């Protein structure tokens, strides 16, 4: 994440870059959730950047939706139930 406005203004695809950067960071964090340094950095990033905080929350929400979908798929398969996938 780039905190200085002068640098943010120079990046043409800032939204995509930000989302990608947070997703990569999230994947690293998921591998080492107990790491003290990562937890300290996470707290600071959430405190300093509302954009980071929002993107982090959206990634968690997306993961939850995926887990719920997979759980429903497993239940349907075990019950020999067919289902229709709806997406946006």
PDB file of N, CA and C in Angstrom:
ATOM      1  N   UNK A   1       0.838  -1.173   0.000  1.00  0.00           N
ATOM      2  CA  UNK A   1       0.000   0.000   0.000  1.00  0.00           C
ATOM      3  C   UNK A   1       0.883   1.236   0.000  1.00  0.00           C
ATOM      4  N   UNK A   2       0.465   2.201  -0.731  1.00  0.00           N
ATOM      5  CA  UNK A   2       1.217   3.445  -0.831  1.00  0.00           C
ATOM      6  C   UNK A   2       0.439   4.513  -0.065  1.00  0.00           C
ATOM      7  N   UNK A   3       1.054   5.054   0.970  1.00  0.00           N
ATOM      8  CA  UNK A   3       0.355   6.005   1.822  1.00  0.00           C
ATOM      9  C   UNK A   3       0.495   7.455   1.356  1.00  0.00           C
ATOM     10  N   UNK A   4       1.534   7.777   0.629  1.00  0.00           N
ATOM     11  CA  UNK A   4       1.722   9.157   0.198  1.00  0.00           C
ATOM     12  C   UNK A   4       0.891   9.452  -1.041  1.00  0.00           C
ATOM     13  N   UNK A   5       0.090  10.495  -0.950  1.00  0.00           N
ATOM     14  CA  UNK A   5      -0.826  10.843  -2.037  1.00  0.00           C
ATOM     15  C   UNK A   5      -0.087  11.099  -3.348  1.00  0.00           C
ATOM     16  N   UNK A   6       1.060  11.723  -3.286  1.00  0.00           N
ATOM     17  CA  UNK A   6       1.799  12.054  -4.515  1.00  0.00           C
ATOM     18  C   UNK A   6       2.166  10.770  -5.275  1.00  0.00           C
ATOM     19  N   UNK A   7       2.458   9.693  -4.566  1.00  0.00           N
ATOM     20  CA  UNK A   7       2.770   8.418  -5.225  1.00  0.00           C
ATOM     21  C   UNK A   7       1.499   7.714  -5.695  1.00  0.00           C
ATOM     22  N   UNK A   8       0.447   7.769  -4.875  1.00  0.00           N
ATOM     23  CA  UNK A   8      -0.827   7.134  -5.268  1.00  0.00           C
ATOM     24  C   UNK A   8      -1.356   7.729  -6.565  1.00  0.00           C
ATOM     25  N   UNK A   9      -1.223   9.036  -6.711  1.00  0.00           N
ATOM     26  CA  UNK A   9      -1.727   9.707  -7.905  1.00  0.00           C
ATOM     27  C   UNK A   9      -0.996   9.282  -9.174  1.00  0.00           C
ATOM     28  N   UNK A  10       0.213   8.765  -9.038  1.00  0.00           N
ATOM     29  CA  UNK A  10       1.008   8.361 -10.205  1.00  0.00           C
ATOM     30  C   UNK A  10       0.722   6.931 -10.652  1.00  0.00           C
ATOM     31  N   UNK A  11       0.047   6.146  -9.826  1.00  0.00           N
ATOM     32  CA  UNK A  11      -0.228   4.749 -10.159  1.00  0.00           C
ATOM     33  C   UNK A  11      -1.587   4.670 -10.849  1.00  0.00           C
ATOM     34  N   UNK A  12      -1.588   4.243 -12.100  1.00  0.00           N
ATOM     35  CA  UNK A  12      -2.816   4.223 -12.892  1.00  0.00           C
ATOM     36  C   UNK A  12      -3.808   3.161 -12.433  1.00  0.00           C
ATOM     37  N   UNK A  13      -3.342   2.023 -12.021  1.00  0.00           N
ATOM     38  CA  UNK A  13      -4.225   0.925 -11.625  1.00  0.00           C
ATOM     39  C   UNK A  13      -4.163   0.707 -10.109  1.00  0.00           C
ATOM     40  N   UNK A  14      -4.276   1.776  -9.360  1.00  0.00           N
ATOM     41  CA  UNK A  14      -4.098   1.718  -7.911  1.00  0.00           C
ATOM     42  C   UNK A  14      -5.094   0.770  -7.243  1.00  0.00           C
ATOM     43  N   UNK A  15      -6.347   0.790  -7.684  1.00  0.00           N
ATOM     44  CA  UNK A  15      -7.348  -0.085  -7.055  1.00  0.00           C
ATOM     45  C   UNK A  15      -7.003  -1.559  -7.250  1.00  0.00           C
ATOM     46  N   UNK A  16      -6.646  -1.936  -8.463  1.00  0.00           N
ATOM     47  CA  UNK A  16      -6.288  -3.323  -8.732  1.00  0.00           C
ATOM     48  C   UNK A  16      -5.012  -3.720  -7.997  1.00  0.00           C
ATOM     49  N   UNK A  17      -4.029  -2.831  -8.017  1.00  0.00           N
ATOM     50  CA  UNK A  17      -2.772  -3.105  -7.332  1.00  0.00           C
ATOM     51  C   UNK A  17      -2.999  -3.253  -5.827  1.00  0.00           C
ATOM     52  N   UNK A  18      -3.828  -2.415  -5.262  1.00  0.00           N
ATOM     53  CA  UNK A  18      -4.116  -2.476  -3.830  1.00  0.00           C
ATOM     54  C   UNK A  18      -4.805  -3.782  -3.473  1.00  0.00           C
ATOM     55  N   UNK A  19      -5.828  -4.150  -4.245  1.00  0.00           N
ATOM     56  CA  UNK A  19      -6.556  -5.388  -3.976  1.00  0.00           C
ATOM     57  C   UNK A  19      -5.627  -6.598  -4.095  1.00  0.00           C
ATOM     58  N   UNK A  20      -4.805  -6.604  -5.121  1.00  0.00           N
ATOM     59  CA  UNK A  20      -3.861  -7.708  -5.314  1.00  0.00           C
ATOM     60  C   UNK A  20      -2.861  -7.764  -4.163  1.00  0.00           C
ATOM     61  N   UNK A  21      -2.322  -6.623  -3.774  1.00  0.00           N
ATOM     62  CA  UNK A  21      -1.326  -6.570  -2.703  1.00  0.00           C
ATOM     63  C   UNK A  21      -1.897  -7.075  -1.382  1.00  0.00           C
ATOM     64  N   UNK A  22      -3.113  -6.664  -1.073  1.00  0.00           N
ATOM     65  CA  UNK A  22      -3.744  -7.112   0.170  1.00  0.00           C
ATOM     66  C   UNK A  22      -4.029  -8.611   0.107  1.00  0.00           C
ATOM     67  N   UNK A  23      -4.451  -9.120  -1.051  1.00  0.00           N
ATOM     68  CA  UNK A  23      -4.716 -10.553  -1.191  1.00  0.00           C
ATOM     69  C   UNK A  23      -3.432 -11.370  -1.008  1.00  0.00           C
ATOM     70  N   UNK A  24      -2.336 -10.898  -1.577  1.00  0.00           N
ATOM     71  CA  UNK A  24      -1.052 -11.594  -1.405  1.00  0.00           C
ATOM     72  C   UNK A  24      -0.644 -11.552   0.063  1.00  0.00           C
ATOM     73  N   UNK A  25      -0.776 -10.398   0.660  1.00  0.00           N
ATOM     74  CA  UNK A  25      -0.419 -10.250   2.073  1.00  0.00           C
ATOM     75  C   UNK A  25      -1.285 -11.158   2.933  1.00  0.00           C
ATOM     76  N   UNK A  26      -2.568 -11.251   2.579  1.00  0.00           N
ATOM     77  CA  UNK A  26      -3.475 -12.117   3.336  1.00  0.00           C
ATOM     78  C   UNK A  26      -3.050 -13.581   3.227  1.00  0.00           C
ATOM     79  N   UNK A  27      -2.614 -14.006   2.061  1.00  0.00           N
ATOM     80  CA  UNK A  27      -2.196 -15.397   1.904  1.00  0.00           C
ATOM     81  C   UNK A  27      -0.958 -15.698   2.747  1.00  0.00           C
ATOM     82  N   UNK A  28      -0.068 -14.733   2.859  1.00  0.00           N
ATOM     83  CA  UNK A  28       1.106 -14.911   3.721  1.00  0.00           C
ATOM     84  C   UNK A  28       0.670 -14.965   5.180  1.00  0.00           C
ATOM     85  N   UNK A  29      -0.211 -14.070   5.559  1.00  0.00           N
ATOM     86  CA  UNK A  29      -0.693 -14.031   6.944  1.00  0.00           C
ATOM     87  C   UNK A  29      -1.403 -15.339   7.314  1.00  0.00           C
ATOM     88  N   UNK A  30      -2.193 -15.882   6.394  1.00  0.00           N
ATOM     89  CA  UNK A  30      -2.912 -17.135   6.664  1.00  0.00           C
ATOM     90  C   UNK A  30      -1.967 -18.301   6.934  1.00  0.00           C
ATOM     91  N   UNK A  31      -0.785 -18.257   6.357  1.00  0.00           N
ATOM     92  CA  UNK A  31       0.200 -19.321   6.580  1.00  0.00           C
ATOM     93  C   UNK A  31       0.859 -19.216   7.952  1.00  0.00           C
ATOM     94  N   UNK A  32       0.936 -17.990   8.480  1.00  0.00           N
ATOM     95  CA  UNK A  32       1.631 -17.765   9.757  1.00  0.00           C
ATOM     96  C   UNK A  32       0.804 -16.860  10.676  1.00  0.00           C
ATOM     97  N   UNK A  33      -0.408 -17.260  11.036  1.00  0.00           N
ATOM     98  CA  UNK A  33      -1.283 -16.370  11.813  1.00  0.00           C
ATOM     99  C   UNK A  33      -0.792 -16.070  13.230  1.00  0.00           C
ATOM    100  N   UNK A  34       0.105 -16.873  13.755  1.00  0.00           N
ATOM    101  CA  UNK A  34       0.599 -16.641  15.116  1.00  0.00           C
ATOM    102  C   UNK A  34       1.818 -15.721  15.142  1.00  0.00           C
ATOM    103  N   UNK A  35       2.342 -15.374  13.985  1.00  0.00           N
ATOM    104  CA  UNK A  35       3.563 -14.586  13.914  1.00  0.00           C
ATOM    105  C   UNK A  35       3.341 -13.192  14.511  1.00  0.00           C
ATOM    106  N   UNK A  36       4.128 -12.867  15.500  1.00  0.00           N
ATOM    107  CA  UNK A  36       3.978 -11.599  16.221  1.00  0.00           C
ATOM    108  C   UNK A  36       4.241 -10.390  15.315  1.00  0.00           C
ATOM    109  N   UNK A  37       5.249 -10.490  14.481  1.00  0.00           N
ATOM    110  CA  UNK A  37       5.591  -9.381  13.583  1.00  0.00           C
ATOM    111  C   UNK A  37       4.456  -9.130  12.593  1.00  0.00           C
ATOM    112  N   UNK A  38       3.908 -10.196  12.007  1.00  0.00           N
ATOM    113  CA  UNK A  38       2.795 -10.035  11.070  1.00  0.00           C
ATOM    114  C   UNK A  38       1.568  -9.443  11.763  1.00  0.00           C
ATOM    115  N   UNK A  39       1.291  -9.886  12.985  1.00  0.00           N
ATOM    116  CA  UNK A  39       0.150  -9.352  13.717  1.00  0.00           C
ATOM    117  C   UNK A  39       0.329  -7.877  14.058  1.00  0.00           C
ATOM    118  N   UNK A  40       1.536  -7.481  14.421  1.00  0.00           N
ATOM    119  CA  UNK A  40       1.809  -6.068  14.685  1.00  0.00           C
ATOM    120  C   UNK A  40       1.637  -5.237  13.420  1.00  0.00           C
ATOM    121  N   UNK A  41       2.165  -5.753  12.308  1.00  0.00           N
ATOM    122  CA  UNK A  41       2.032  -5.048  11.034  1.00  0.00           C
ATOM    123  C   UNK A  41       0.568  -4.942  10.622  1.00  0.00           C
ATOM    124  N   UNK A  42      -0.172  -6.016  10.791  1.00  0.00           N
ATOM    125  CA  UNK A  42      -1.600  -6.000  10.452  1.00  0.00           C
ATOM    126  C   UNK A  42      -2.328  -4.930  11.253  1.00  0.00           C
ATOM    127  N   UNK A  43      -2.077  -4.856  12.533  1.00  0.00           N
ATOM    128  CA  UNK A  43      -2.730  -3.854  13.381  1.00  0.00           C
ATOM    129  C   UNK A  43      -2.387  -2.442  12.916  1.00  0.00           C
ATOM    130  N   UNK A  44      -1.123  -2.212  12.574  1.00  0.00           N
ATOM    131  CA  UNK A  44      -0.702  -0.879  12.117  1.00  0.00           C
ATOM    132  C   UNK A  44      -1.342  -0.517  10.777  1.00  0.00           C
ATOM    133  N   UNK A  45      -1.377  -1.478   9.855  1.00  0.00           N
ATOM    134  CA  UNK A  45      -1.976  -1.207   8.543  1.00  0.00           C
ATOM    135  C   UNK A  45      -3.467  -0.898   8.672  1.00  0.00           C
ATOM    136  N   UNK A  46      -4.165  -1.653   9.497  1.00  0.00           N
ATOM    137  CA  UNK A  46      -5.591  -1.389   9.701  1.00  0.00           C
ATOM    138  C   UNK A  46      -5.811  -0.019  10.339  1.00  0.00           C
ATOM    139  N   UNK A  47      -4.918   0.354  11.227  1.00  0.00           N
ATOM    140  CA  UNK A  47      -5.024   1.644  11.913  1.00  0.00           C
ATOM    141  C   UNK A  47      -4.725   2.807  10.970  1.00  0.00           C
ATOM    142  N   UNK A  48      -3.749   2.638  10.097  1.00  0.00           N
ATOM    143  CA  UNK A  48      -3.279   3.733   9.246  1.00  0.00           C
ATOM    144  C   UNK A  48      -4.039   3.874   7.929  1.00  0.00           C
ATOM    145  N   UNK A  49      -4.697   2.804   7.485  1.00  0.00           N
ATOM    146  CA  UNK A  49      -5.317   2.854   6.160  1.00  0.00           C
ATOM    147  C   UNK A  49      -6.718   2.261   6.164  1.00  0.00           C
ATOM    148  N   UNK A  50      -7.690   3.116   5.928  1.00  0.00           N
ATOM    149  CA  UNK A  50      -9.069   2.653   5.823  1.00  0.00           C
ATOM    150  C   UNK A  50      -9.243   1.776   4.575  1.00  0.00           C
ATOM    151  N   UNK A  51      -8.490   2.082   3.520  1.00  0.00           N
ATOM    152  CA  UNK A  51      -8.546   1.275   2.293  1.00  0.00           C
ATOM    153  C   UNK A  51      -8.067  -0.141   2.589  1.00  0.00           C
ATOM    154  N   UNK A  52      -6.938  -0.253   3.277  1.00  0.00           N
ATOM    155  CA  UNK A  52      -6.420  -1.579   3.639  1.00  0.00           C
ATOM    156  C   UNK A  52      -7.445  -2.324   4.489  1.00  0.00           C
ATOM    157  N   UNK A  53      -7.982  -1.653   5.481  1.00  0.00           N
ATOM    158  CA  UNK A  53      -8.954  -2.272   6.390  1.00  0.00           C
ATOM    159  C   UNK A  53     -10.162  -2.799   5.616  1.00  0.00           C
ATOM    160  N   UNK A  54     -10.658  -2.019   4.686  1.00  0.00           N
ATOM    161  CA  UNK A  54     -11.803  -2.425   3.869  1.00  0.00           C
ATOM    162  C   UNK A  54     -11.469  -3.614   2.970  1.00  0.00           C
ATOM    163  N   UNK A  55     -10.314  -3.559   2.303  1.00  0.00           N
ATOM    164  CA  UNK A  55      -9.899  -4.660   1.430  1.00  0.00           C
ATOM    165  C   UNK A  55      -9.690  -5.934   2.236  1.00  0.00           C
ATOM    166  N   UNK A  56      -9.101  -5.820   3.415  1.00  0.00           N
ATOM    167  CA  UNK A  56      -8.867  -6.978   4.286  1.00  0.00           C
ATOM    168  C   UNK A  56     -10.201  -7.616   4.663  1.00  0.00           C
ATOM    169  N   UNK A  57     -11.161  -6.790   5.014  1.00  0.00           N
ATOM    170  CA  UNK A  57     -12.495  -7.274   5.393  1.00  0.00           C
ATOM    171  C   UNK A  57     -13.174  -7.971   4.204  1.00  0.00           C
ATOM    172  N   UNK A  58     -13.046  -7.399   3.011  1.00  0.00           N
ATOM    173  CA  UNK A  58     -13.662  -7.996   1.821  1.00  0.00           C
ATOM    174  C   UNK A  58     -13.049  -9.351   1.494  1.00  0.00           C
ATOM    175  N   UNK A  59     -11.748  -9.501   1.686  1.00  0.00           N
ATOM    176  CA  UNK A  59     -11.091 -10.786   1.434  1.00  0.00           C
ATOM    177  C   UNK A  59     -11.624 -11.838   2.398  1.00  0.00           C
ATOM    178  N   UNK A  60     -11.788 -11.461   3.659  1.00  0.00           N
ATOM    179  CA  UNK A  60     -12.332 -12.394   4.651  1.00  0.00           C
ATOM    180  C   UNK A  60     -13.751 -12.788   4.271  1.00  0.00           C
ATOM    181  N   UNK A  61     -14.558 -11.828   3.858  1.00  0.00           N
ATOM    182  CA  UNK A  61     -15.936 -12.120   3.453  1.00  0.00           C
ATOM    183  C   UNK A  61     -15.978 -13.061   2.260  1.00  0.00           C
ATOM    184  N   UNK A  62     -15.094 -12.844   1.299  1.00  0.00           N
ATOM    185  CA  UNK A  62     -15.040 -13.716   0.123  1.00  0.00           C
ATOM    186  C   UNK A  62     -14.670 -15.136   0.517  1.00  0.00           C
ATOM    187  N   UNK A  63     -13.718 -15.274   1.438  1.00  0.00           N
ATOM    188  CA  UNK A  63     -13.318 -16.607   1.891  1.00  0.00           C
ATOM    189  C   UNK A  63     -14.479 -17.296   2.607  1.00  0.00           C
ATOM    190  N   UNK A  64     -15.204 -16.555   3.418  1.00  0.00           N
ATOM    191  CA  UNK A  64     -16.342 -17.142   4.139  1.00  0.00           C
ATOM    192  C   UNK A  64     -17.405 -17.632   3.151  1.00  0.00           C
ATOM    193  N   UNK A  65     -17.686 -16.821   2.120  1.00  0.00           N
ATOM    194  CA  UNK A  65     -18.671 -17.236   1.120  1.00  0.00           C
ATOM    195  C   UNK A  65     -18.227 -18.509   0.412  1.00  0.00           C
ATOM    196  N   UNK A  66     -16.945 -18.600   0.099  1.00  0.00           N
ATOM    197  CA  UNK A  66     -16.426 -19.789  -0.568  1.00  0.00           C
ATOM    198  C   UNK A  66     -16.561 -21.015   0.335  1.00  0.00           C
ATOM    199  N   UNK A  67     -16.206 -20.873   1.607  1.00  0.00           N
ATOM    200  CA  UNK A  67     -16.318 -21.998   2.541  1.00  0.00           C
ATOM    201  C   UNK A  67     -17.774 -22.439   2.670  1.00  0.00           C
ATOM    202  N   UNK A  68     -18.687 -21.481   2.809  1.00  0.00           N
ATOM    203  CA  UNK A  68     -20.110 -21.828   2.916  1.00  0.00           C
ATOM    204  C   UNK A  68     -20.595 -22.546   1.655  1.00  0.00           C
ATOM    205  N   UNK A  69     -20.162 -22.052   0.502  1.00  0.00           N
ATOM    206  CA  UNK A  69     -20.541 -22.693  -0.756  1.00  0.00           C
ATOM    207  C   UNK A  69     -20.030 -24.132  -0.805  1.00  0.00           C
ATOM    208  N   UNK A  70     -18.768 -24.329  -0.446  1.00  0.00           N
ATOM    209  CA  UNK A  70     -18.196 -25.678  -0.480  1.00  0.00           C
ATOM    210  C   UNK A  70     -18.894 -26.601   0.514  1.00  0.00           C
ATOM    211  N   UNK A  71     -19.241 -26.090   1.672  1.00  0.00           N
ATOM    212  CA  UNK A  71     -19.971 -26.901   2.654  1.00  0.00           C
ATOM    213  C   UNK A  71     -21.329 -27.323   2.109  1.00  0.00           C
ATOM    214  N   UNK A  72     -22.028 -26.397   1.476  1.00  0.00           N
ATOM    215  CA  UNK A  72     -23.333 -26.718   0.883  1.00  0.00           C
ATOM    216  C   UNK A  72     -23.187 -27.736  -0.245  1.00  0.00           C
ATOM    217  N   UNK A  73     -22.141 -27.607  -1.027  1.00  0.00           N
ATOM    218  CA  UNK A  73     -21.895 -28.538  -2.119  1.00  0.00           C
ATOM    219  C   UNK A  73     -21.650 -29.945  -1.574  1.00  0.00           C
ATOM    220  N   UNK A  74     -20.873 -30.032  -0.510  1.00  0.00           N
ATOM    221  CA  UNK A  74     -20.590 -31.341   0.108  1.00  0.00           C
ATOM    222  C   UNK A  74     -21.867 -31.945   0.676  1.00  0.00           C
ATOM    223  N   UNK A  75     -22.677 -31.127   1.353  1.00  0.00           N
ATOM    224  CA  UNK A  75     -23.951 -31.619   1.896  1.00  0.00           C
ATOM    225  C   UNK A  75     -24.860 -32.126   0.776  1.00  0.00           C
ATOM    226  N   UNK A  76     -24.957 -31.343  -0.287  1.00  0.00           N
ATOM    227  CA  UNK A  76     -25.820 -31.728  -1.400  1.00  0.00           C
ATOM    228  C   UNK A  76     -25.342 -33.033  -2.023  1.00  0.00           C
ATOM    229  N   UNK A  77     -24.054 -33.183  -2.172  1.00  0.00           N
ATOM    230  CA  UNK A  77     -23.519 -34.404  -2.763  1.00  0.00           C
ATOM    231  C   UNK A  77     -23.775 -35.604  -1.858  1.00  0.00           C
ATOM    232  N   UNK A  78     -23.620 -35.427  -0.544  1.00  0.00           N
ATOM    233  CA  UNK A  78     -23.840 -36.549   0.371  1.00  0.00           C
ATOM    234  C   UNK A  78     -25.319 -36.933   0.443  1.00  0.00           C
ATOM    235  N   UNK A  79     -26.209 -35.991   0.143  1.00  0.00           N
ATOM    236  CA  UNK A  79     -27.652 -36.276   0.138  1.00  0.00           C
ATOM    237  C   UNK A  79     -28.161 -36.607  -1.264  1.00  0.00           C
ATOM    238  N   UNK A  80     -27.258 -36.714  -2.229  1.00  0.00           N
ATOM    239  CA  UNK A  80     -27.626 -36.926  -3.634  1.00  0.00           C
ATOM    240  C   UNK A  80     -28.614 -35.877  -4.115  1.00  0.00           C
ATOM    241  N   UNK A  81     -28.416 -34.652  -3.670  1.00  0.00           N
ATOM    242  CA  UNK A  81     -29.273 -33.534  -4.037  1.00  0.00           C
ATOM    243  C   UNK A  81     -28.586 -32.713  -5.114  1.00  0.00           C
ATOM    244  N   UNK A  82     -29.371 -32.315  -6.107  1.00  0.00           N
ATOM    245  CA  UNK A  82     -28.816 -31.434  -7.130  1.00  0.00           C
ATOM    246  C   UNK A  82     -29.069 -29.993  -6.708  1.00  0.00           C
ATOM    247  N   UNK A  83     -28.203 -29.120  -7.117  1.00  0.00           N
ATOM    248  CA  UNK A  83     -28.392 -27.711  -6.816  1.00  0.00           C
ATOM    249  C   UNK A  83     -27.950 -26.885  -8.006  1.00  0.00           C
ATOM    250  N   UNK A  84     -28.415 -25.631  -8.035  1.00  0.00           N
ATOM    251  CA  UNK A  84     -28.088 -24.731  -9.118  1.00  0.00           C
ATOM    252  C   UNK A  84     -27.189 -23.640  -8.553  1.00  0.00           C
ATOM    253  N   UNK A  85     -26.138 -23.345  -9.261  1.00  0.00           N
ATOM    254  CA  UNK A  85     -25.207 -22.312  -8.838  1.00  0.00           C
ATOM    255  C   UNK A  85     -25.644 -20.989  -9.434  1.00  0.00           C
ATOM    256  N   UNK A  86     -25.835 -19.996  -8.588  1.00  0.00           N
ATOM    257  CA  UNK A  86     -26.166 -18.625  -9.013  1.00  0.00           C
ATOM    258  C   UNK A  86     -24.980 -17.747  -8.704  1.00  0.00           C
ATOM    259  N   UNK A  87     -24.607 -16.894  -9.609  1.00  0.00           N
ATOM    260  CA  UNK A  87     -23.471 -16.013  -9.382  1.00  0.00           C
ATOM    261  C   UNK A  87     -23.763 -14.651  -9.946  1.00  0.00           C
ATOM    262  N   UNK A  88     -23.004 -13.680  -9.465  1.00  0.00           N
ATOM    263  CA  UNK A  88     -23.175 -12.287  -9.910  1.00  0.00           C
ATOM    264  C   UNK A  88     -22.170 -11.963 -10.982  1.00  0.00           C
TER     265      UNK A  88
END
